Amino acid sequence: MNASTVAIAAGLGLFVLPIPGTFITGALVVLAGGLARWLGS
């Protein structure tokens, strides 16, 4: 499993948690994972 895939999955997990602050954090982690995947290919 690529590190970018793990980052995207972790970001999605944070995104759906009903805890304040995890919505934005999850979105940023997903964006970072997507950027890493895009730049890595």
PDB file of N, CA and C in Angstrom:
ATOM      1  N   MET A   1       0.835  -1.172   0.000  1.00  0.00           N
ATOM      2  CA  MET A   1       0.000   0.000   0.000  1.00  0.00           C
ATOM      3  C   MET A   1       0.892   1.251   0.000  1.00  0.00           C
ATOM      4  N   ASN A   2       0.612   2.152  -0.903  1.00  0.00           N
ATOM      5  CA  ASN A   2       1.393   3.386  -0.980  1.00  0.00           C
ATOM      6  C   ASN A   2       1.108   4.286   0.211  1.00  0.00           C
ATOM      7  N   ALA A   3       2.089   5.112   0.548  1.00  0.00           N
ATOM      8  CA  ALA A   3       1.899   6.067   1.646  1.00  0.00           C
ATOM      9  C   ALA A   3       0.783   7.049   1.321  1.00  0.00           C
ATOM     10  N   SER A   4       0.659   7.411   0.045  1.00  0.00           N
ATOM     11  CA  SER A   4      -0.406   8.346  -0.329  1.00  0.00           C
ATOM     12  C   SER A   4      -1.780   7.706  -0.150  1.00  0.00           C
ATOM     13  N   THR A   5      -1.890   6.412  -0.411  1.00  0.00           N
ATOM     14  CA  THR A   5      -3.162   5.714  -0.217  1.00  0.00           C
ATOM     15  C   THR A   5      -3.524   5.671   1.264  1.00  0.00           C
ATOM     16  N   VAL A   6      -2.535   5.421   2.102  1.00  0.00           N
ATOM     17  CA  VAL A   6      -2.759   5.407   3.547  1.00  0.00           C
ATOM     18  C   VAL A   6      -3.182   6.797   4.022  1.00  0.00           C
ATOM     19  N   ALA A   7      -2.548   7.841   3.490  1.00  0.00           N
ATOM     20  CA  ALA A   7      -2.897   9.212   3.881  1.00  0.00           C
ATOM     21  C   ALA A   7      -4.321   9.546   3.472  1.00  0.00           C
ATOM     22  N   ILE A   8      -4.709   9.150   2.271  1.00  0.00           N
ATOM     23  CA  ILE A   8      -6.073   9.419   1.806  1.00  0.00           C
ATOM     24  C   ILE A   8      -7.082   8.672   2.675  1.00  0.00           C
ATOM     25  N   ALA A   9      -6.801   7.408   2.980  1.00  0.00           N
ATOM     26  CA  ALA A   9      -7.716   6.618   3.814  1.00  0.00           C
ATOM     27  C   ALA A   9      -7.815   7.200   5.228  1.00  0.00           C
ATOM     28  N   ALA A  10      -6.687   7.607   5.790  1.00  0.00           N
ATOM     29  CA  ALA A  10      -6.702   8.206   7.132  1.00  0.00           C
ATOM     30  C   ALA A  10      -7.450   9.529   7.122  1.00  0.00           C
ATOM     31  N   GLY A  11      -7.268  10.296   6.071  1.00  0.00           N
ATOM     32  CA  GLY A  11      -7.974  11.565   5.953  1.00  0.00           C
ATOM     33  C   GLY A  11      -9.470  11.381   5.857  1.00  0.00           C
ATOM     34  N   LEU A  12      -9.888  10.375   5.109  1.00  0.00           N
ATOM     35  CA  LEU A  12     -11.322  10.095   5.009  1.00  0.00           C
ATOM     36  C   LEU A  12     -11.880   9.647   6.354  1.00  0.00           C
ATOM     37  N   GLY A  13     -11.089   8.877   7.090  1.00  0.00           N
ATOM     38  CA  GLY A  13     -11.517   8.459   8.421  1.00  0.00           C
ATOM     39  C   GLY A  13     -11.683   9.645   9.355  1.00  0.00           C
ATOM     40  N   LEU A  14     -10.741  10.586   9.308  1.00  0.00           N
ATOM     41  CA  LEU A  14     -10.856  11.792  10.130  1.00  0.00           C
ATOM     42  C   LEU A  14     -12.019  12.658   9.681  1.00  0.00           C
ATOM     43  N   PHE A  15     -12.235  12.701   8.372  1.00  0.00           N
ATOM     44  CA  PHE A  15     -13.279  13.553   7.790  1.00  0.00           C
ATOM     45  C   PHE A  15     -14.662  13.190   8.315  1.00  0.00           C
ATOM     46  N   VAL A  16     -14.918  11.899   8.525  1.00  0.00           N
ATOM     47  CA  VAL A  16     -16.259  11.468   8.925  1.00  0.00           C
ATOM     48  C   VAL A  16     -16.463  11.413  10.442  1.00  0.00           C
ATOM     49  N   LEU A  17     -15.408  11.620  11.230  1.00  0.00           N
ATOM     50  CA  LEU A  17     -15.562  11.607  12.688  1.00  0.00           C
ATOM     51  C   LEU A  17     -16.363  12.822  13.146  1.00  0.00           C
ATOM     52  N   PRO A  18     -17.304  12.618  14.053  1.00  0.00           N
ATOM     53  CA  PRO A  18     -18.126  13.735  14.530  1.00  0.00           C
ATOM     54  C   PRO A  18     -17.475  14.513  15.679  1.00  0.00           C
ATOM     55  N   ILE A  19     -16.187  14.784  15.558  1.00  0.00           N
ATOM     56  CA  ILE A  19     -15.455  15.521  16.586  1.00  0.00           C
ATOM     57  C   ILE A  19     -15.028  16.862  15.984  1.00  0.00           C
ATOM     58  N   PRO A  20     -15.220  17.968  16.699  1.00  0.00           N
ATOM     59  CA  PRO A  20     -14.837  19.273  16.148  1.00  0.00           C
ATOM     60  C   PRO A  20     -13.360  19.328  15.751  1.00  0.00           C
ATOM     61  N   GLY A  21     -13.093  19.847  14.585  1.00  0.00           N
ATOM     62  CA  GLY A  21     -11.724  19.985  14.104  1.00  0.00           C
ATOM     63  C   GLY A  21     -11.276  18.876  13.177  1.00  0.00           C
ATOM     64  N   THR A  22     -11.901  17.712  13.268  1.00  0.00           N
ATOM     65  CA  THR A  22     -11.451  16.607  12.423  1.00  0.00           C
ATOM     66  C   THR A  22     -11.941  16.754  10.989  1.00  0.00           C
ATOM     67  N   PHE A  23     -12.989  17.542  10.763  1.00  0.00           N
ATOM     68  CA  PHE A  23     -13.501  17.760   9.408  1.00  0.00           C
ATOM     69  C   PHE A  23     -12.440  18.459   8.555  1.00  0.00           C
ATOM     70  N   ILE A  24     -11.903  19.553   9.084  1.00  0.00           N
ATOM     71  CA  ILE A  24     -10.895  20.308   8.337  1.00  0.00           C
ATOM     72  C   ILE A  24      -9.583  19.530   8.273  1.00  0.00           C
ATOM     73  N   THR A  25      -9.192  18.904   9.375  1.00  0.00           N
ATOM     74  CA  THR A  25      -7.962  18.116   9.392  1.00  0.00           C
ATOM     75  C   THR A  25      -8.037  16.976   8.390  1.00  0.00           C
ATOM     76  N   GLY A  26      -9.169  16.284   8.361  1.00  0.00           N
ATOM     77  CA  GLY A  26      -9.346  15.190   7.409  1.00  0.00           C
ATOM     78  C   GLY A  26      -9.279  15.674   5.978  1.00  0.00           C
ATOM     79  N   ALA A  27      -9.894  16.811   5.695  1.00  0.00           N
ATOM     80  CA  ALA A  27      -9.850  17.361   4.341  1.00  0.00           C
ATOM     81  C   ALA A  27      -8.420  17.716   3.950  1.00  0.00           C
ATOM     82  N   LEU A  28      -7.659  18.296   4.871  1.00  0.00           N
ATOM     83  CA  LEU A  28      -6.266  18.644   4.576  1.00  0.00           C
ATOM     84  C   LEU A  28      -5.405  17.403   4.365  1.00  0.00           C
ATOM     85  N   VAL A  29      -5.641  16.353   5.140  1.00  0.00           N
ATOM     86  CA  VAL A  29      -4.880  15.110   4.976  1.00  0.00           C
ATOM     87  C   VAL A  29      -5.214  14.460   3.639  1.00  0.00           C
ATOM     88  N   VAL A  30      -6.496  14.480   3.247  1.00  0.00           N
ATOM     89  CA  VAL A  30      -6.888  13.930   1.945  1.00  0.00           C
ATOM     90  C   VAL A  30      -6.226  14.729   0.826  1.00  0.00           C
ATOM     91  N   LEU A  31      -6.221  16.049   0.944  1.00  0.00           N
ATOM     92  CA  LEU A  31      -5.567  16.876  -0.073  1.00  0.00           C
ATOM     93  C   LEU A  31      -4.071  16.593  -0.147  1.00  0.00           C
ATOM     94  N   ALA A  32      -3.421  16.436   0.994  1.00  0.00           N
ATOM     95  CA  ALA A  32      -1.993  16.132   1.010  1.00  0.00           C
ATOM     96  C   ALA A  32      -1.718  14.769   0.382  1.00  0.00           C
ATOM     97  N   GLY A  33      -2.551  13.777   0.677  1.00  0.00           N
ATOM     98  CA  GLY A  33      -2.385  12.452   0.072  1.00  0.00           C
ATOM     99  C   GLY A  33      -2.621  12.481  -1.423  1.00  0.00           C
ATOM    100  N   GLY A  34      -3.628  13.229  -1.851  1.00  0.00           N
ATOM    101  CA  GLY A  34      -3.889  13.359  -3.287  1.00  0.00           C
ATOM    102  C   GLY A  34      -2.760  14.069  -4.001  1.00  0.00           C
ATOM    103  N   LEU A  35      -2.218  15.107  -3.375  1.00  0.00           N
ATOM    104  CA  LEU A  35      -1.094  15.828  -3.959  1.00  0.00           C
ATOM    105  C   LEU A  35       0.139  14.932  -4.038  1.00  0.00           C
ATOM    106  N   ALA A  36       0.384  14.146  -2.999  1.00  0.00           N
ATOM    107  CA  ALA A  36       1.517  13.216  -3.010  1.00  0.00           C
ATOM    108  C   ALA A  36       1.342  12.168  -4.105  1.00  0.00           C
ATOM    109  N   ARG A  37       0.119  11.693  -4.290  1.00  0.00           N
ATOM    110  CA  ARG A  37      -0.144  10.710  -5.340  1.00  0.00           C
ATOM    111  C   ARG A  37       0.054  11.340  -6.714  1.00  0.00           C
ATOM    112  N   TRP A  38      -0.435  12.574  -6.889  1.00  0.00           N
ATOM    113  CA  TRP A  38      -0.344  13.261  -8.178  1.00  0.00           C
ATOM    114  C   TRP A  38       1.107  13.583  -8.525  1.00  0.00           C
ATOM    115  N   LEU A  39       1.875  14.070  -7.543  1.00  0.00           N
ATOM    116  CA  LEU A  39       3.273  14.414  -7.795  1.00  0.00           C
ATOM    117  C   LEU A  39       4.156  13.176  -7.907  1.00  0.00           C
ATOM    118  N   GLY A  40       3.750  12.093  -7.275  1.00  0.00           N
ATOM    119  CA  GLY A  40       4.545  10.877  -7.311  1.00  0.00           C
ATOM    120  C   GLY A  40       4.411  10.083  -8.595  1.00  0.00           C
ATOM    121  N   SER A  41       3.373  10.353  -9.374  1.00  0.00           N
ATOM    122  CA  SER A  41       3.181   9.570 -10.600  1.00  0.00           C
ATOM    123  C   SER A  41       3.686  10.282 -11.826  1.00  0.00           C
TER     124      SER A  41
END
